[in-house]
Amino acid sequence: MNNNIDSKKMAALLSIASKKLGTSPDALKAQLESGSFDKALGNLPQGQQSKLKQALSDPKTAEKLLSTPQAQEIYKKLQK
């Protein structure tokens, strides 16, 4: 089984997460790739931090989040 999320879906997830965190998708991606998860999530309440960490580390959870109507709307906008 492939545990990787395709790049368009990852971009959508980063877009959603970055809006919640008040940062850009590129900045968030750089922070996460460098391992500074806590810095990227520092402005969120603890419960939301846990949910986002789970979503970013578990492809199945990320897929579930990306299937929500809100995520689908952002995904459609990204494809334009």
Foldseek 3Di string as FASTA:
>chain_A
DDFDDDPLLLLLLLCVLCVVQVHHSVVLVVCVVVPVLCVSCVVDDPVVSVLSVCLVVGSVNSVVVCPDPVSVVSSVVVVD
